[in-house]
C-alpha atoms as a PDB file:
ATOM      1  CA  MET A   1      -7.382 -14.515 -16.671  1.00  0.00           C
ATOM      2  CA  GLN A   2      -6.946 -10.436 -17.193  1.00  0.00           C
ATOM      3  CA  ILE A   3      -5.760  -8.714 -14.971  1.00  0.00           C
ATOM      4  CA  LEU A   4      -5.457  -4.498 -13.858  1.00  0.00           C
ATOM      5  CA  ILE A   5      -2.893  -2.552 -11.456  1.00  0.00           C
ATOM      6  CA  THR A   6      -2.823   0.594 -11.292  1.00  0.00           C
ATOM      7  CA  GLY A   7       0.542   2.665 -10.096  1.00  0.00           C
ATOM      8  CA  GLY A   8       1.716  -0.555 -11.980  1.00  0.00           C
ATOM      9  CA  ALA A   9       4.891   1.505 -12.926  1.00  0.00           C
ATOM     10  CA  GLY A  10       5.829   2.176  -9.279  1.00  0.00           C
ATOM     11  CA  PHE A  11       7.523   0.229  -6.936  1.00  0.00           C
ATOM     12  CA  LEU A  12       4.944  -1.941  -4.672  1.00  0.00           C
ATOM     13  CA  GLY A  13       3.022  -2.675  -8.834  1.00  0.00           C
ATOM     14  CA  ALA A  14       5.675  -3.245 -10.613  1.00  0.00           C
ATOM     15  CA  LYS A  15       6.974  -6.206  -7.915  1.00  0.00           C
ATOM     16  CA  LEU A  16       3.025  -7.545  -7.745  1.00  0.00           C
ATOM     17  CA  ALA A  17       3.056  -7.482 -11.419  1.00  0.00           C
ATOM     18  CA  ARG A  18       6.193  -9.723 -10.785  1.00  0.00           C
ATOM     19  CA  GLN A  19       4.971 -12.067  -8.267  1.00  0.00           C
ATOM     20  CA  LEU A  20       1.587 -12.726 -10.322  1.00  0.00           C
ATOM     21  CA  LEU A  21       3.682 -13.138 -13.484  1.00  0.00           C
ATOM     22  CA  ALA A  22       6.050 -16.131 -11.511  1.00  0.00           C
ATOM     23  CA  ARG A  23       2.221 -17.193  -9.885  1.00  0.00           C
ATOM     24  CA  GLY A  24       0.669 -17.658 -12.999  1.00  0.00           C
ATOM     25  CA  THR A  25      -2.989 -17.695 -11.788  1.00  0.00           C
ATOM     26  CA  LEU A  26      -5.034 -16.283  -9.401  1.00  0.00           C
ATOM     27  CA  SER A  27      -8.290 -16.975  -8.341  1.00  0.00           C
ATOM     28  CA  ASP A  28     -11.619 -16.076 -10.721  1.00  0.00           C
ATOM     29  CA  SER A  29     -14.733 -14.577  -9.072  1.00  0.00           C
ATOM     30  CA  ASN A  30     -16.578 -18.336  -8.838  1.00  0.00           C
ATOM     31  CA  GLY A  31     -12.848 -18.945  -6.711  1.00  0.00           C
ATOM     32  CA  GLN A  32     -11.050 -21.294  -9.757  1.00  0.00           C
ATOM     33  CA  GLN A  33      -7.855 -20.721 -10.283  1.00  0.00           C
ATOM     34  CA  GLN A  34      -6.952 -19.052 -13.856  1.00  0.00           C
ATOM     35  CA  ALA A  35      -4.191 -18.585 -15.868  1.00  0.00           C
ATOM     36  CA  ILE A  36      -2.688 -15.149 -15.854  1.00  0.00           C
ATOM     37  CA  THR A  37      -3.204 -14.040 -20.011  1.00  0.00           C
ATOM     38  CA  ASN A  38      -2.470 -10.929 -19.385  1.00  0.00           C
ATOM     39  CA  ILE A  39      -1.460  -8.336 -17.005  1.00  0.00           C
ATOM     40  CA  ILE A  40      -2.092  -4.360 -17.436  1.00  0.00           C
ATOM     41  CA  LEU A  41      -0.335  -1.586 -16.030  1.00  0.00           C
ATOM     42  CA  LEU A  42      -1.446   1.562 -15.961  1.00  0.00           C
ATOM     43  CA  ASP A  43       0.368   4.232 -14.957  1.00  0.00           C
ATOM     44  CA  ARG A  44       1.396   7.969 -15.336  1.00  0.00           C
ATOM     45  CA  VAL A  45       4.835   6.852 -17.097  1.00  0.00           C
ATOM     46  CA  ALA A  46       5.157   3.125 -18.958  1.00  0.00           C
ATOM     47  CA  ALA A  47       5.945   0.703 -16.446  1.00  0.00           C
ATOM     48  CA  GLN A  48       9.869  -0.457 -17.053  1.00  0.00           C
ATOM     49  CA  GLY A  49      12.021  -4.046 -16.941  1.00  0.00           C
ATOM     50  CA  PHE A  50       9.154  -5.733 -18.664  1.00  0.00           C
ATOM     51  CA  ASP A  51       9.904  -8.672 -21.384  1.00  0.00           C
ATOM     52  CA  ASP A  52       6.488 -10.983 -20.793  1.00  0.00           C
ATOM     53  CA  ALA A  53       3.963 -11.105 -23.563  1.00  0.00           C
ATOM     54  CA  ARG A  54       1.261 -10.947 -20.807  1.00  0.00           C
ATOM     55  CA  ILE A  55       2.285  -7.771 -20.214  1.00  0.00           C
ATOM     56  CA  THR A  56       0.781  -4.735 -21.572  1.00  0.00           C
ATOM     57  CA  THR A  57       1.889  -1.177 -19.989  1.00  0.00           C
ATOM     58  CA  GLU A  58      -1.072   2.297 -20.514  1.00  0.00           C
ATOM     59  CA  ILE A  59      -0.303   5.593 -19.921  1.00  0.00           C
ATOM     60  CA  GLY A  60      -2.840   7.626 -18.316  1.00  0.00           C
ATOM     61  CA  ASP A  61      -4.480   9.161 -16.108  1.00  0.00           C
ATOM     62  CA  VAL A  62      -6.428   7.350 -13.736  1.00  0.00           C
ATOM     63  CA  ALA A  63      -8.831  10.485 -12.548  1.00  0.00           C
ATOM     64  CA  ASP A  64     -10.150   9.962 -16.208  1.00  0.00           C
ATOM     65  CA  LEU A  65     -13.099   8.527 -17.280  1.00  0.00           C
ATOM     66  CA  ALA A  66     -12.131   7.913 -20.629  1.00  0.00           C
ATOM     67  CA  THR A  67      -8.626   6.267 -19.920  1.00  0.00           C
ATOM     68  CA  ILE A  68     -10.399   3.984 -16.992  1.00  0.00           C
ATOM     69  CA  ARG A  69     -12.969   3.063 -19.535  1.00  0.00           C
ATOM     70  CA  ARG A  70     -10.439   2.362 -22.415  1.00  0.00           C
ATOM     71  CA  VAL A  71      -8.288   0.018 -19.584  1.00  0.00           C
ATOM     72  CA  LEU A  72     -11.057  -1.351 -17.441  1.00  0.00           C
ATOM     73  CA  THR A  73     -13.022  -3.883 -19.729  1.00  0.00           C
ATOM     74  CA  PRO A  74     -15.324  -6.886 -19.043  1.00  0.00           C
ATOM     75  CA  GLN A  75     -12.612  -9.037 -20.248  1.00  0.00           C
ATOM     76  CA  VAL A  76     -11.107  -7.673 -17.054  1.00  0.00           C
ATOM     77  CA  GLN A  77     -11.315  -9.318 -13.792  1.00  0.00           C
ATOM     78  CA  SER A  78      -9.289  -8.589 -11.224  1.00  0.00           C
ATOM     79  CA  VAL A  79      -8.024  -5.025 -10.274  1.00  0.00           C
ATOM     80  CA  PHE A  80      -5.472  -4.155  -7.428  1.00  0.00           C
ATOM     81  CA  HIS A  81      -5.627  -0.813  -6.778  1.00  0.00           C
ATOM     82  CA  LEU A  82      -2.147   0.990  -5.630  1.00  0.00           C
ATOM     83  CA  ALA A  83      -2.255   4.867  -7.324  1.00  0.00           C
ATOM     84  CA  ALA A  84      -2.442   7.112  -4.429  1.00  0.00           C
ATOM     85  CA  VAL A  85      -1.355  11.325  -4.361  1.00  0.00           C
ATOM     86  CA  VAL A  86       0.183  10.398  -0.744  1.00  0.00           C
ATOM     87  CA  SER A  87       0.066  11.324   2.332  1.00  0.00           C
ATOM     88  CA  GLY A  88       1.877  14.446   2.083  1.00  0.00           C
ATOM     89  CA  GLU A  89       0.356  15.537  -1.307  1.00  0.00           C
ATOM     90  CA  ALA A  90      -2.897  15.159  -0.543  1.00  0.00           C
ATOM     91  CA  GLU A  91      -2.982  17.205   2.576  1.00  0.00           C
ATOM     92  CA  SER A  92      -0.401  20.235   0.853  1.00  0.00           C
ATOM     93  CA  ASP A  93      -2.912  19.892  -2.053  1.00  0.00           C
ATOM     94  CA  PHE A  94      -6.352  19.371  -1.510  1.00  0.00           C
ATOM     95  CA  ASP A  95      -7.568  18.963  -4.759  1.00  0.00           C
ATOM     96  CA  LEU A  96      -5.169  16.942  -6.079  1.00  0.00           C
ATOM     97  CA  GLY A  97      -6.150  14.593  -3.493  1.00  0.00           C
ATOM     98  CA  MET A  98      -9.373  14.208  -4.199  1.00  0.00           C
ATOM     99  CA  ARG A  99      -9.405  14.090  -7.313  1.00  0.00           C
ATOM    100  CA  ILE A 100      -6.369  10.909  -7.812  1.00  0.00           C
ATOM    101  CA  ASN A 101      -7.422   9.463  -4.932  1.00  0.00           C
ATOM    102  CA  LEU A 102     -11.298   9.786  -4.963  1.00  0.00           C
ATOM    103  CA  ASP A 103     -12.463  10.554  -8.565  1.00  0.00           C
ATOM    104  CA  ALA A 104     -10.075   7.637  -9.624  1.00  0.00           C
ATOM    105  CA  THR A 105     -11.416   5.509  -7.561  1.00  0.00           C
ATOM    106  CA  ARG A 106     -15.229   6.361  -8.076  1.00  0.00           C
ATOM    107  CA  HIS A 107     -14.007   6.225 -11.802  1.00  0.00           C
ATOM    108  CA  LEU A 108     -12.927   2.229 -11.360  1.00  0.00           C
ATOM    109  CA  LEU A 109     -16.489   0.994  -9.192  1.00  0.00           C
ATOM    110  CA  ASP A 110     -19.026   2.894 -11.719  1.00  0.00           C
ATOM    111  CA  VAL A 111     -16.989   1.702 -14.727  1.00  0.00           C
ATOM    112  CA  ALA A 112     -16.197  -1.816 -13.109  1.00  0.00           C
ATOM    113  CA  ARG A 113     -20.613  -2.123 -12.312  1.00  0.00           C
ATOM    114  CA  SER A 114     -21.455  -1.065 -16.044  1.00  0.00           C
ATOM    115  CA  ASN A 115     -19.090  -3.481 -17.061  1.00  0.00           C
ATOM    116  CA  GLY A 116     -21.263  -6.003 -14.915  1.00  0.00           C
ATOM    117  CA  ASN A 117     -18.909  -8.799 -14.574  1.00  0.00           C
ATOM    118  CA  CYS A 118     -18.377  -8.377 -10.713  1.00  0.00           C
ATOM    119  CA  PRO A 119     -14.398  -8.072 -10.763  1.00  0.00           C
ATOM    120  CA  ARG A 120     -12.246  -8.733  -8.022  1.00  0.00           C
ATOM    121  CA  ILE A 121     -10.973  -5.917  -6.294  1.00  0.00           C
ATOM    122  CA  VAL A 122      -8.123  -5.440  -3.768  1.00  0.00           C
ATOM    123  CA  PHE A 123      -7.697  -1.495  -2.241  1.00  0.00           C
ATOM    124  CA  THR A 124      -5.338   0.016  -0.890  1.00  0.00           C
ATOM    125  CA  SER A 125      -5.708   2.075   1.656  1.00  0.00           C
ATOM    126  CA  SER A 126      -4.220   3.559   4.676  1.00  0.00           C
ATOM    127  CA  VAL A 127      -3.804   3.146   8.318  1.00  0.00           C
ATOM    128  CA  ALA A 128      -4.355   7.344   8.207  1.00  0.00           C
ATOM    129  CA  VAL A 129      -7.649   6.644   8.197  1.00  0.00           C
ATOM    130  CA  PHE A 130      -7.364   6.331  11.896  1.00  0.00           C
ATOM    131  CA  GLY A 131      -6.177   9.680  14.048  1.00  0.00           C
ATOM    132  CA  GLY A 132      -6.534  11.940  17.149  1.00  0.00           C
ATOM    133  CA  ASP A 133      -7.619  10.318  20.711  1.00  0.00           C
ATOM    134  CA  LEU A 134      -6.621   6.684  19.777  1.00  0.00           C
ATOM    135  CA  PRO A 135      -6.175   3.555  22.644  1.00  0.00           C
ATOM    136  CA  GLN A 136      -3.143   2.195  22.783  1.00  0.00           C
ATOM    137  CA  GLN A 137      -3.625  -0.550  20.122  1.00  0.00           C
ATOM    138  CA  VAL A 138      -6.611  -0.056  17.700  1.00  0.00           C
ATOM    139  CA  LEU A 139      -8.830  -3.334  17.034  1.00  0.00           C
ATOM    140  CA  ASP A 140     -10.821  -4.188  14.795  1.00  0.00           C
ATOM    141  CA  SER A 141     -13.797  -2.094  15.954  1.00  0.00           C
ATOM    142  CA  THR A 142     -11.570   0.795  16.529  1.00  0.00           C
ATOM    143  CA  ALA A 143     -13.730   4.215  14.151  1.00  0.00           C
ATOM    144  CA  VAL A 144     -12.127   5.674  11.249  1.00  0.00           C
ATOM    145  CA  THR A 145     -11.547   9.357  12.884  1.00  0.00           C
ATOM    146  CA  PRO A 146      -8.969  10.258   9.633  1.00  0.00           C
ATOM    147  CA  GLN A 147      -6.855  13.738  11.131  1.00  0.00           C
ATOM    148  CA  GLY A 148      -5.126  14.556   7.512  1.00  0.00           C
ATOM    149  CA  SER A 149      -7.390  14.711   4.059  1.00  0.00           C
ATOM    150  CA  TYR A 150      -5.576  11.555   2.493  1.00  0.00           C
ATOM    151  CA  GLY A 151      -6.974   9.516   5.760  1.00  0.00           C
ATOM    152  CA  ALA A 152     -10.237  10.748   4.480  1.00  0.00           C
ATOM    153  CA  GLN A 153      -9.777   9.983   0.790  1.00  0.00           C
ATOM    154  CA  LYS A 154      -8.928   6.493   2.039  1.00  0.00           C
ATOM    155  CA  ALA A 155     -12.001   6.351   4.617  1.00  0.00           C
ATOM    156  CA  LEU A 156     -14.778   7.714   2.076  1.00  0.00           C
ATOM    157  CA  CYS A 157     -12.842   5.326  -1.035  1.00  0.00           C
ATOM    158  CA  GLU A 158     -13.409   2.224   2.050  1.00  0.00           C
ATOM    159  CA  LEU A 159     -16.966   3.259   2.514  1.00  0.00           C
ATOM    160  CA  LEU A 160     -17.609   2.861  -1.578  1.00  0.00           C
ATOM    161  CA  VAL A 161     -15.713  -0.344  -1.869  1.00  0.00           C
ATOM    162  CA  THR A 162     -17.629  -1.516   1.276  1.00  0.00           C
ATOM    163  CA  ASP A 163     -21.125  -0.147  -0.412  1.00  0.00           C
ATOM    164  CA  TYR A 164     -20.341  -1.983  -4.046  1.00  0.00           C
ATOM    165  CA  SER A 165     -19.317  -5.001  -3.130  1.00  0.00           C
ATOM    166  CA  ARG A 166     -22.684  -5.028  -0.879  1.00  0.00           C
ATOM    167  CA  LYS A 167     -24.974  -4.123  -4.413  1.00  0.00           C
ATOM    168  CA  GLY A 168     -23.051  -7.292  -6.082  1.00  0.00           C
ATOM    169  CA  PHE A 169     -21.490  -4.296  -8.431  1.00  0.00           C
ATOM    170  CA  VAL A 170     -18.193  -5.398  -7.110  1.00  0.00           C
ATOM    171  CA  ASP A 171     -16.451  -8.203  -4.954  1.00  0.00           C
ATOM    172  CA  GLY A 172     -13.713  -5.577  -3.238  1.00  0.00           C
ATOM    173  CA  ARG A 173     -11.048  -5.858  -0.450  1.00  0.00           C
ATOM    174  CA  ALA A 174      -9.910  -2.338   1.490  1.00  0.00           C
ATOM    175  CA  LEU A 175      -6.850  -3.220   2.818  1.00  0.00           C
ATOM    176  CA  ARG A 176      -5.264  -0.830   5.755  1.00  0.00           C
ATOM    177  CA  VAL A 177      -1.353  -1.175   4.513  1.00  0.00           C
ATOM    178  CA  PRO A 178       1.220   0.387   7.037  1.00  0.00           C
ATOM    179  CA  THR A 179       3.429   1.911   6.486  1.00  0.00           C
ATOM    180  CA  VAL A 180       5.696  -0.025   3.931  1.00  0.00           C
ATOM    181  CA  SER A 181       9.768   0.002   4.506  1.00  0.00           C
ATOM    182  CA  VAL A 182      12.065  -0.383   3.282  1.00  0.00           C
ATOM    183  CA  ARG A 183      10.698   0.996  -0.026  1.00  0.00           C
ATOM    184  CA  PRO A 184      14.432   1.901  -2.793  1.00  0.00           C
ATOM    185  CA  GLY A 185      13.795   4.096  -4.753  1.00  0.00           C
ATOM    186  CA  LEU A 186      14.275   8.485  -4.226  1.00  0.00           C
ATOM    187  CA  PRO A 187      11.656  10.094  -1.916  1.00  0.00           C
ATOM    188  CA  ASN A 188       8.584  10.218  -2.301  1.00  0.00           C
ATOM    189  CA  LYS A 189       6.228  13.638  -0.889  1.00  0.00           C
ATOM    190  CA  ALA A 190       4.515  10.467   1.798  1.00  0.00           C
ATOM    191  CA  ALA A 191       4.851  11.980   5.293  1.00  0.00           C
ATOM    192  CA  SER A 192       6.147   9.047   6.163  1.00  0.00           C
ATOM    193  CA  SER A 193       8.692   8.727   3.007  1.00  0.00           C
ATOM    194  CA  PHE A 194      10.961   8.984   5.969  1.00  0.00           C
ATOM    195  CA  ALA A 195      10.063   5.447   7.502  1.00  0.00           C
ATOM    196  CA  SER A 196      12.466   4.483   4.787  1.00  0.00           C
ATOM    197  CA  SER A 197      14.863   6.687   3.121  1.00  0.00           C
ATOM    198  CA  ILE A 198      16.413   6.948   7.464  1.00  0.00           C
ATOM    199  CA  ILE A 199      17.426   3.339   6.899  1.00  0.00           C
ATOM    200  CA  ARG A 200      18.090   3.415   2.683  1.00  0.00           C
ATOM    201  CA  GLU A 201      20.436   6.636   2.281  1.00  0.00           C
ATOM    202  CA  PRO A 202      22.500   5.429   5.304  1.00  0.00           C
ATOM    203  CA  LEU A 203      23.281   2.203   3.436  1.00  0.00           C
ATOM    204  CA  ASN A 204      23.744   3.693   0.066  1.00  0.00           C
ATOM    205  CA  HIS A 205      26.327   6.008   2.316  1.00  0.00           C
ATOM    206  CA  LEU A 206      24.071   9.340   1.704  1.00  0.00           C
ATOM    207  CA  PRO A 207      22.738  11.303   5.175  1.00  0.00           C
ATOM    208  CA  GLY A 208      19.212  10.444   5.472  1.00  0.00           C
ATOM    209  CA  VAL A 209      16.858  13.485   7.241  1.00  0.00           C
ATOM    210  CA  CYS A 210      14.715  12.292   9.587  1.00  0.00           C
ATOM    211  CA  PRO A 211      11.707  14.652  10.452  1.00  0.00           C
ATOM    212  CA  VAL A 212      10.125  12.791  13.940  1.00  0.00           C
ATOM    213  CA  ALA A 213      10.967  12.697  16.864  1.00  0.00           C
ATOM    214  CA  PRO A 214      13.032   9.119  17.996  1.00  0.00           C
ATOM    215  CA  ASP A 215      10.182   7.687  20.425  1.00  0.00           C
ATOM    216  CA  THR A 216       8.059   8.064  17.596  1.00  0.00           C
ATOM    217  CA  ARG A 217       5.639   4.953  16.706  1.00  0.00           C
ATOM    218  CA  VAL A 218       5.432   3.564  13.402  1.00  0.00           C
ATOM    219  CA  TRP A 219       3.460   0.706  11.997  1.00  0.00           C
ATOM    220  CA  LEU A 220       5.489  -0.474   9.380  1.00  0.00           C
ATOM    221  CA  THR A 221       5.689  -3.651   7.210  1.00  0.00           C
ATOM    222  CA  SER A 222       7.952  -4.869   4.899  1.00  0.00           C
ATOM    223  CA  PRO A 223       7.037  -5.082   1.211  1.00  0.00           C
ATOM    224  CA  ARG A 224       7.935  -8.628   0.955  1.00  0.00           C
ATOM    225  CA  SER A 225       4.914  -9.228   3.557  1.00  0.00           C
ATOM    226  CA  ALA A 226       2.560  -6.007   1.955  1.00  0.00           C
ATOM    227  CA  LEU A 227       2.426  -8.607  -1.194  1.00  0.00           C
ATOM    228  CA  TYR A 228       1.963 -11.694   0.444  1.00  0.00           C
ATOM    229  CA  ASN A 229      -1.340  -9.314   2.176  1.00  0.00           C
ATOM    230  CA  LEU A 230      -2.202  -7.737  -1.553  1.00  0.00           C
ATOM    231  CA  VAL A 231      -2.517 -11.261  -3.591  1.00  0.00           C
ATOM    232  CA  HIS A 232      -3.584 -13.402  -0.476  1.00  0.00           C
ATOM    233  CA  ALA A 233      -6.635 -10.616  -0.425  1.00  0.00           C
ATOM    234  CA  HIS A 234      -7.876 -11.048  -3.415  1.00  0.00           C
ATOM    235  CA  GLU A 235      -7.760 -14.934  -3.423  1.00  0.00           C
ATOM    236  CA  ILE A 236     -10.187 -15.468  -0.137  1.00  0.00           C
ATOM    237  CA  ASP A 237     -13.964 -15.017   0.082  1.00  0.00           C
ATOM    238  CA  GLY A 238     -15.233 -12.579  -0.145  1.00  0.00           C
ATOM    239  CA  LYS A 239     -18.199 -13.587   2.098  1.00  0.00           C
ATOM    240  CA  LEU A 240     -15.644 -13.919   4.753  1.00  0.00           C
ATOM    241  CA  LEU A 241     -15.124 -10.658   5.168  1.00  0.00           C
ATOM    242  CA  GLY A 242     -18.650  -9.677   6.461  1.00  0.00           C
ATOM    243  CA  ALA A 243     -20.559  -6.335   6.248  1.00  0.00           C
ATOM    244  CA  SER A 244     -17.107  -4.512   6.200  1.00  0.00           C
ATOM    245  CA  ARG A 245     -14.695  -4.965   3.333  1.00  0.00           C
ATOM    246  CA  ALA A 246     -12.328  -2.595   4.895  1.00  0.00           C
ATOM    247  CA  LEU A 247      -9.557  -4.428   7.404  1.00  0.00           C
ATOM    248  CA  ASN A 248      -6.039  -3.741   9.394  1.00  0.00           C
ATOM    249  CA  MET A 249      -3.257  -5.273   7.877  1.00  0.00           C
ATOM    250  CA  PRO A 250      -0.649  -7.150  10.223  1.00  0.00           C
ATOM    251  CA  GLY A 251       2.108  -5.212  11.273  1.00  0.00           C
ATOM    252  CA  LEU A 252       5.296  -4.619  13.121  1.00  0.00           C
ATOM    253  CA  ALA A 253       5.039  -1.799  15.784  1.00  0.00           C
ATOM    254  CA  THR A 254       8.074  -0.438  16.902  1.00  0.00           C
ATOM    255  CA  THR A 255       9.769   2.628  17.274  1.00  0.00           C
ATOM    256  CA  VAL A 256      12.748   5.453  15.234  1.00  0.00           C
ATOM    257  CA  ARG A 257      14.621   4.417  17.561  1.00  0.00           C
ATOM    258  CA  GLU A 258      14.130   0.986  17.583  1.00  0.00           C
ATOM    259  CA  MET A 259      14.194   1.147  13.677  1.00  0.00           C
ATOM    260  CA  VAL A 260      17.146   3.331  13.981  1.00  0.00           C
ATOM    261  CA  ASP A 261      18.701   0.142  16.605  1.00  0.00           C
ATOM    262  CA  ALA A 262      18.153  -2.275  13.989  1.00  0.00           C
ATOM    263  CA  LEU A 263      20.125  -0.535  11.703  1.00  0.00           C
ATOM    264  CA  GLY A 264      22.994  -0.134  14.245  1.00  0.00           C
ATOM    265  CA  ARG A 265      23.088  -4.035  14.306  1.00  0.00           C
ATOM    266  CA  VAL A 266      22.300  -4.926  10.964  1.00  0.00           C
ATOM    267  CA  ALA A 267      25.156  -2.668   9.082  1.00  0.00           C
ATOM    268  CA  GLY A 268      27.064  -0.913  12.344  1.00  0.00           C
ATOM    269  CA  LYS A 269      27.579   2.077  13.926  1.00  0.00           C
ATOM    270  CA  PRO A 270      29.045   4.503  10.969  1.00  0.00           C
ATOM    271  CA  VAL A 271      25.873   3.819   9.230  1.00  0.00           C
ATOM    272  CA  VAL A 272      24.166   4.982  12.036  1.00  0.00           C
ATOM    273  CA  ASP A 273      25.774   8.374  11.968  1.00  0.00           C
ATOM    274  CA  LEU A 274      24.984   9.861   8.953  1.00  0.00           C
ATOM    275  CA  ILE A 275      21.227   9.891  10.305  1.00  0.00           C
ATOM    276  CA  GLU A 276      20.237  13.317  10.394  1.00  0.00           C
ATOM    277  CA  TRP A 277      17.252  14.308  13.609  1.00  0.00           C
ATOM    278  CA  ARG A 278      15.862  17.167  11.971  1.00  0.00           C
ATOM    279  CA  GLU A 279      12.266  18.070  13.477  1.00  0.00           C
ATOM    280  CA  ASP A 280       9.424  18.742  10.881  1.00  0.00           C
ATOM    281  CA  PRO A 281       6.449  20.317  12.608  1.00  0.00           C
ATOM    282  CA  ALA A 282       3.857  19.815   9.936  1.00  0.00           C
ATOM    283  CA  ILE A 283       5.080  16.165   9.231  1.00  0.00           C
ATOM    284  CA  SER A 284       5.388  15.415  13.190  1.00  0.00           C
ATOM    285  CA  ARG A 285       1.994  15.887  13.972  1.00  0.00           C
ATOM    286  CA  LEU A 286       0.636  13.795  11.325  1.00  0.00           C
ATOM    287  CA  ILE A 287       3.071  10.934  11.830  1.00  0.00           C
ATOM    288  CA  ARG A 288       2.019  11.255  15.909  1.00  0.00           C
ATOM    289  CA  SER A 289      -1.824  11.568  14.620  1.00  0.00           C
ATOM    290  CA  TRP A 290      -1.473   7.768  13.309  1.00  0.00           C
ATOM    291  CA  PRO A 291      -1.812   4.868  15.672  1.00  0.00           C
ATOM    292  CA  GLY A 292       1.249   3.169  15.968  1.00  0.00           C
ATOM    293  CA  ASP A 293      -0.318   0.030  17.132  1.00  0.00           C
ATOM    294  CA  PHE A 294      -3.030  -2.611  16.351  1.00  0.00           C
ATOM    295  CA  LEU A 295      -4.644  -5.770  17.148  1.00  0.00           C
ATOM    296  CA  THR A 296      -5.544  -6.991  13.858  1.00  0.00           C
ATOM    297  CA  THR A 297      -7.522 -10.011  14.729  1.00  0.00           C
ATOM    298  CA  ARG A 298      -9.956  -9.728  12.690  1.00  0.00           C
ATOM    299  CA  ALA A 299      -6.748  -9.926   9.415  1.00  0.00           C
ATOM    300  CA  SER A 300      -4.806 -12.381  11.611  1.00  0.00           C
ATOM    301  CA  ALA A 301      -6.974 -15.356  11.326  1.00  0.00           C
ATOM    302  CA  LEU A 302      -8.032 -14.855   7.894  1.00  0.00           C
ATOM    303  CA  GLY A 303      -4.194 -15.924   7.317  1.00  0.00           C
ATOM    304  CA  PHE A 304      -2.312 -12.398   6.490  1.00  0.00           C
ATOM    305  CA  ILE A 305       0.846 -12.095   7.888  1.00  0.00           C
ATOM    306  CA  SER A 306       3.125  -9.428   9.614  1.00  0.00           C
ATOM    307  CA  ASP A 307       7.481  -9.270   9.935  1.00  0.00           C
ATOM    308  CA  GLN A 308       8.444 -10.380  13.027  1.00  0.00           C
ATOM    309  CA  ASN A 309      11.477  -7.885  13.751  1.00  0.00           C
ATOM    310  CA  PHE A 310      12.664  -5.334  12.043  1.00  0.00           C
ATOM    311  CA  ASP A 311      17.076  -6.334  11.674  1.00  0.00           C
ATOM    312  CA  ASP A 312      15.472  -9.379   9.359  1.00  0.00           C
ATOM    313  CA  VAL A 313      13.359  -6.685   7.240  1.00  0.00           C
ATOM    314  CA  ILE A 314      16.579  -4.552   7.079  1.00  0.00           C
ATOM    315  CA  ARG A 315      18.184  -7.946   6.239  1.00  0.00           C
ATOM    316  CA  VAL A 316      16.301  -8.432   3.773  1.00  0.00           C
ATOM    317  CA  TYR A 317      16.029  -5.174   1.999  1.00  0.00           C
ATOM    318  CA  VAL A 318      20.066  -5.427   1.521  1.00  0.00           C
ATOM    319  CA  ASP A 319      19.333  -9.038   0.550  1.00  0.00           C
ATOM    320  CA  GLU A 320      17.402  -8.086  -2.427  1.00  0.00           C
ATOM    321  CA  GLU A 321      17.660  -4.484  -3.001  1.00  0.00           C
ATOM    322  CA  MET A 322      21.689  -4.293  -2.578  1.00  0.00           C
ATOM    323  CA  SER A 323      24.795  -6.617  -3.637  1.00  0.00           C
ATOM    324  CA  SER A 324      26.308  -5.905  -0.491  1.00  0.00           C
ATOM    325  CA  ILE A 325      26.583  -3.435   2.496  1.00  0.00           C
ATOM    326  CA  THR A 326      30.495  -1.756   1.513  1.00  0.00           C
END
């Protein structure tokens, strides 16, 4: 079977591709396991570090209809749509966010519809679809009320995924993924980027700037749990999702102070001392508009997973992404 991953050169896209290569099979539209013969990695730059004949790298604009028609052929049975303009950038550049986050998703769904093979599509949404006056714990029934352009764009895409699935054009699943921490690499333009940089940079003996107050609540998932849930979302029977294809993913509720305390337990006080507390009002406003805790009854019943504590999340990052703490 053939698989398309948008954002395939990014951290999660590349990790997902490697996990799928190791797995070797995925379910087709009938729920039967099929050997993975080709994974197409679409991004603005070529994906690096692959020497497997099953990998095809494609450079292109995910919002360009001709590009989507080229890579999403009727032979593609599964799509993981990870490409997006992240929260801070979508807020500052409205047109770019609408083009990459909304228009690209619409193009992808329309091409899948015209292909007529009803592919399984896993779309990464966000907890940013919620905002404003929220309950202490967001429930599966809590209304979507985004307070930023990124969240609004993701919410619109969720509705499209649900409606195209209702019509039988695609078999979609929209995952409201918590903030992923700890990500390796460099900071990006996401408002939530600090959730990785205040851990990653100090572990690498660099200053990490925290733009929000210590009591700020965040809803987190580790890369390992996020990847598990992406694959699990693909494998479950779409009929189990019911009227809405959007799901709140399980996560870990914590505060920034608790994250820093965990870093201290794992790596020691000198590492923690590298964190600079420098509040940014724009980032703080956006982050505080997002929910910090969920009750994910629906997703948990379907077998999605969460992390148990942030200490272990840091330890896994050290084990998998760093040779040692020196």
